Amino acid sequence: MTHQGFLPECEENPQNPQQNAMLKYINKTYKLGRRLVKGPRHSSVHQARGDKFATGAIQPSPPRREKRPKARIKEINILQLNICGISKKKTKLAKFLHENKVHVALLQETLHSTTDLHITGYTSYACGCTSCRSIATYVRNDLTADITKPTVNSPTDVQKCILWVNGKKGTIYNVYNPPTNTCRIDDLQKNIYHNTILAGDFNGHSLLWGYQDTNNTGK
C-alpha cells in the first residue's frame, strides 16, 4: 500500500531549483506498514545502559529470596538453678545456656540488685523485690513469652511465664520460698492447668525426697 504526498504532483520548474527539490520531497512515495530500523541514537542509548550495568553504575535487581518456614522445636530445654548470687557467675551461666541450647532458665537467689543481667541471645525478666533473695527468668529470643508476677504470700517469690511453642501455649512457674516460710501459691490453688511446669527452690523437706524431717512446705 502506498501513500502520495499531501500536495498534488507539480511539474518541475527549471528556473527554480529550490522548488524542484521541495517537489521531489512532496511527491515522494512512502510505503506504509514498513518496520522502522533502529537508528544510531537508540543503539547508543542501549549501549550506554549496557556499559552502566557492566561498570556497576546500575545494579540489576537481586533475585527474590523465598521465606523459609520457621523450624519446629522438638523439645524445650529448661534449666532450674539456685545460683546463690549471679554477679560472679554470669559468664559461666551464659556459656552453659548457649552450649546446652537452653530455652528457658529459672534462677533463684540471684541477689542481682547491683548486677546487669543481660546475656546475649536471651531476654531477662527479674523480680522487682528489694528485700527478697531475688529470682530471674531467662527466655531465649527465638521464643515468644509473657512474664507476670502473681500475687503470693510474702516472702515467697514467684514468676509466671506463659510460653508459646509451635503454636501451643504452656505455663512455667519460677518459685523461691525461704526456708522458714510455708509456701503457698494462690494462683495454683484456684486453677487447674494443662501443660504446666512448677519449678524452683521451695525449701520443702519431706521423707519422700530424702530428707530426715518434714516441714510445712514439704507436706
Protein backbone atom coordinates (compact mmCIF):
# COMPACT_ATOMS: atom_id res chain seq x y z
CA MET A 1 0.00 0.00 0.00
CA THR A 2 1.32 3.42 -0.95
CA HIS A 3 0.55 6.98 0.05
CA GLN A 4 1.21 10.04 -2.07
CA GLY A 5 2.39 13.37 -0.81
CA PHE A 6 -0.01 15.79 0.79
CA LEU A 7 0.09 18.15 -2.23
CA PRO A 8 -0.79 17.21 -5.84
CA GLU A 9 2.14 16.49 -8.14
CA CYS A 10 3.59 19.54 -9.86
CA GLU A 11 5.92 19.81 -12.79
CA GLU A 12 9.48 20.82 -12.17
CA ASN A 13 10.45 24.39 -12.95
CA PRO A 14 13.95 24.68 -14.42
CA GLN A 15 14.10 28.28 -13.21
CA ASN A 16 13.65 27.38 -9.52
CA PRO A 17 15.97 24.56 -8.27
CA GLN A 18 14.84 25.07 -4.65
CA GLN A 19 11.21 24.49 -5.64
CA ASN A 20 12.22 21.41 -7.60
CA ALA A 21 13.89 19.91 -4.51
CA MET A 22 10.78 20.55 -2.44
CA LEU A 23 8.57 18.97 -5.10
CA LYS A 24 10.72 15.85 -5.06
CA TYR A 25 10.18 15.60 -1.31
CA ILE A 26 6.42 16.18 -1.56
CA ASN A 27 5.93 13.77 -4.47
CA LYS A 28 7.98 11.07 -2.78
CA THR A 29 6.03 7.81 -2.33
CA TYR A 30 6.07 6.21 1.15
CA LYS A 31 5.35 2.57 1.85
CA LEU A 32 3.10 2.17 4.89
CA GLY A 33 3.45 -0.64 7.39
CA ARG A 34 7.18 -0.89 6.95
CA ARG A 35 9.08 -1.60 10.19
CA LEU A 36 11.43 1.17 11.14
CA VAL A 37 15.03 0.21 11.65
CA LYS A 38 16.58 1.13 14.98
CA GLY A 39 18.58 4.26 14.46
CA PRO A 40 22.04 5.04 15.79
CA ARG A 41 20.58 7.12 18.64
CA HIS A 42 18.67 4.13 20.03
CA SER A 43 21.70 1.91 19.70
CA SER A 44 23.87 4.36 21.57
CA VAL A 45 21.35 4.60 24.43
CA HIS A 46 21.22 0.82 24.86
CA GLN A 47 24.99 0.63 24.56
CA ALA A 48 25.40 3.25 27.29
CA ARG A 49 22.95 1.41 29.54
CA GLY A 50 24.83 -1.83 28.95
CA ASP A 51 28.07 -0.09 29.90
CA LYS A 52 26.47 1.09 33.17
CA PHE A 53 25.43 -2.46 34.03
CA ALA A 54 28.96 -3.62 33.30
CA THR A 55 30.56 -0.93 35.46
CA GLY A 56 28.06 -1.28 38.30
CA ALA A 57 26.50 2.16 37.93
CA ILE A 58 23.09 0.49 37.58
CA GLN A 59 22.68 -2.62 39.69
CA PRO A 60 20.28 -5.32 38.49
CA SER A 61 17.56 -6.34 40.94
CA PRO A 62 18.69 -9.23 43.20
CA PRO A 63 16.75 -12.49 42.96
CA ARG A 64 13.88 -12.76 45.43
CA ARG A 65 14.57 -14.99 48.39
CA GLU A 66 11.87 -17.35 49.45
CA LYS A 67 10.97 -17.19 53.14
CA ARG A 68 11.87 -20.41 54.86
CA PRO A 69 9.30 -21.77 57.28
CA LYS A 70 10.29 -21.44 60.94
CA ALA A 71 11.81 -24.65 62.23
CA ARG A 72 9.68 -26.55 64.71
CA ILE A 73 11.05 -27.03 68.21
CA LYS A 74 11.03 -30.72 69.11
CA GLU A 75 11.58 -30.24 72.84
CA ILE A 76 12.04 -27.45 75.38
CA ASN A 77 15.23 -27.35 77.45
CA ILE A 78 14.55 -25.79 80.86
CA LEU A 79 17.24 -25.02 83.43
CA GLN A 80 16.30 -24.61 87.11
CA LEU A 81 19.11 -23.42 89.37
CA ASN A 82 19.56 -21.81 92.77
CA ILE A 83 22.56 -19.78 91.69
CA CYS A 84 23.34 -18.21 95.11
CA GLY A 85 24.40 -14.90 93.60
CA ILE A 86 24.72 -14.28 89.85
CA SER A 87 27.25 -11.43 89.71
CA LYS A 88 30.40 -13.61 89.62
CA LYS A 89 28.77 -16.50 87.74
CA LYS A 90 27.12 -14.77 84.80
CA THR A 91 29.89 -15.60 82.30
CA LYS A 92 29.76 -19.31 83.14
CA LEU A 93 25.99 -19.21 83.08
CA ALA A 94 25.93 -17.64 79.60
CA LYS A 95 28.32 -20.30 78.28
CA PHE A 96 26.21 -23.06 79.78
CA LEU A 97 22.99 -21.67 78.29
CA HIS A 98 24.45 -21.49 74.78
CA GLU A 99 26.31 -24.81 74.83
CA ASN A 100 23.26 -26.70 76.09
CA LYS A 101 20.76 -24.80 73.93
CA VAL A 102 18.63 -23.86 76.93
CA HIS A 103 15.30 -22.27 76.01
CA VAL A 104 14.22 -21.11 79.48
CA ALA A 105 16.35 -20.64 82.63
CA LEU A 106 14.69 -20.33 86.06
CA LEU A 107 17.10 -18.89 88.63
CA GLN A 108 16.63 -18.41 92.37
CA GLU A 109 18.62 -16.37 94.91
CA THR A 110 20.20 -14.28 92.17
CA LEU A 111 20.98 -11.36 94.54
CA HIS A 112 21.09 -9.19 91.41
CA SER A 113 20.25 -5.73 92.80
CA THR A 114 23.57 -4.28 91.52
CA THR A 115 24.17 -6.67 88.60
CA ASP A 116 23.49 -6.24 84.88
CA LEU A 117 21.57 -9.40 83.96
CA HIS A 118 21.99 -9.09 80.16
CA ILE A 119 23.07 -12.28 78.35
CA THR A 120 23.36 -12.25 74.54
CA GLY A 121 20.59 -14.19 72.83
CA TYR A 122 18.27 -14.10 75.85
CA THR A 123 15.79 -11.74 77.44
CA SER A 124 15.98 -11.48 81.22
CA TYR A 125 12.99 -10.92 83.50
CA ALA A 126 13.95 -10.05 87.06
CA CYS A 127 11.71 -9.62 90.06
CA GLY A 128 11.45 -6.09 91.38
CA CYS A 129 11.80 -7.05 95.03
CA THR A 130 14.09 -5.04 97.28
CA SER A 131 14.03 -7.20 100.39
CA CYS A 132 13.92 -10.75 98.96
CA ARG A 133 16.67 -13.07 97.75
CA SER A 134 15.51 -12.40 94.17
CA ILE A 135 14.62 -14.60 91.21
CA ALA A 136 15.13 -14.16 87.46
CA THR A 137 13.83 -15.90 84.35
CA TYR A 138 15.72 -16.01 81.05
CA VAL A 139 13.88 -16.75 77.79
CA ARG A 140 15.71 -17.37 74.52
CA ASN A 141 15.00 -14.68 71.95
CA ASP A 142 13.51 -17.03 69.33
CA LEU A 143 10.59 -17.81 71.67
CA THR A 144 7.51 -15.76 72.48
CA ALA A 145 6.79 -15.38 76.19
CA ASP A 146 4.84 -13.25 78.64
CA ILE A 147 6.16 -12.94 82.22
CA THR A 148 3.96 -11.81 85.09
CA LYS A 149 4.20 -11.79 88.89
CA PRO A 150 1.22 -13.47 90.58
CA THR A 151 0.04 -12.35 93.99
CA VAL A 152 1.62 -14.59 96.65
CA ASN A 153 2.16 -14.58 100.37
CA SER A 154 5.41 -12.72 101.01
CA PRO A 155 8.25 -13.60 101.25
CA THR A 156 7.58 -16.34 98.66
CA ASP A 157 8.68 -15.02 95.26
CA VAL A 158 7.01 -16.27 92.06
CA GLN A 159 7.19 -15.51 88.34
CA LYS A 160 4.66 -16.91 85.88
CA CYS A 161 5.90 -17.49 82.33
CA ILE A 162 3.36 -18.11 79.57
CA LEU A 163 5.26 -19.61 76.63
CA TRP A 164 4.17 -20.28 73.04
CA VAL A 165 5.97 -23.13 71.26
CA ASN A 166 4.95 -24.37 67.80
CA GLY A 167 1.65 -22.54 68.20
CA LYS A 168 0.86 -24.19 71.54
CA LYS A 169 0.66 -22.49 74.93
CA GLY A 170 2.38 -23.65 78.10
CA THR A 171 2.89 -22.22 81.58
CA ILE A 172 6.07 -22.30 83.70
CA TYR A 173 6.35 -21.08 87.30
CA ASN A 174 9.67 -19.91 88.76
CA VAL A 175 9.45 -20.11 92.58
CA TYR A 176 11.68 -19.30 95.52
CA ASN A 177 10.41 -19.93 99.05
CA PRO A 178 12.63 -19.10 102.06
CA PRO A 179 13.38 -21.96 104.49
CA THR A 180 11.35 -20.51 107.36
CA ASN A 181 8.24 -19.75 105.29
CA THR A 182 5.37 -22.06 104.37
CA CYS A 183 4.98 -21.99 100.61
CA ARG A 184 1.52 -21.21 99.32
CA ILE A 185 0.74 -20.07 95.79
CA ASP A 186 -2.86 -18.94 95.48
CA ASP A 187 -2.61 -18.84 91.70
CA LEU A 188 -2.25 -22.64 91.71
CA GLN A 189 -4.96 -23.23 94.29
CA LYS A 190 -7.63 -21.53 92.19
CA ASN A 191 -6.91 -23.10 88.82
CA ILE A 192 -6.15 -26.42 87.18
CA TYR A 193 -3.56 -26.10 84.45
CA HIS A 194 -2.71 -28.17 81.41
CA ASN A 195 0.89 -28.07 80.10
CA THR A 196 2.17 -26.51 83.33
CA ILE A 197 5.62 -26.81 84.94
CA LEU A 198 6.26 -25.73 88.54
CA ALA A 199 9.98 -25.35 89.28
CA GLY A 200 12.24 -23.60 91.76
CA ASP A 201 13.65 -23.82 95.25
CA PHE A 202 10.77 -24.45 97.65
CA ASN A 203 12.88 -25.35 100.69
CA GLY A 204 10.36 -28.09 101.35
CA HIS A 205 11.51 -31.02 103.48
CA SER A 206 9.93 -34.43 103.12
CA LEU A 207 10.89 -38.04 103.67
CA LEU A 208 9.68 -38.70 100.13
CA TRP A 209 12.68 -36.96 98.61
CA GLY A 210 15.41 -37.92 101.04
CA TYR A 211 15.13 -35.52 103.98
CA GLN A 212 15.28 -36.73 107.56
CA ASP A 213 12.39 -34.46 108.52
CA THR A 214 9.24 -32.91 107.07
CA ASN A 215 8.26 -29.24 107.28
CA ASN A 216 5.03 -27.45 106.40
CA THR A 217 6.10 -26.77 102.83
CA GLY A 218 7.09 -30.42 102.34
CA LYS A 219 3.64 -31.54 103.43
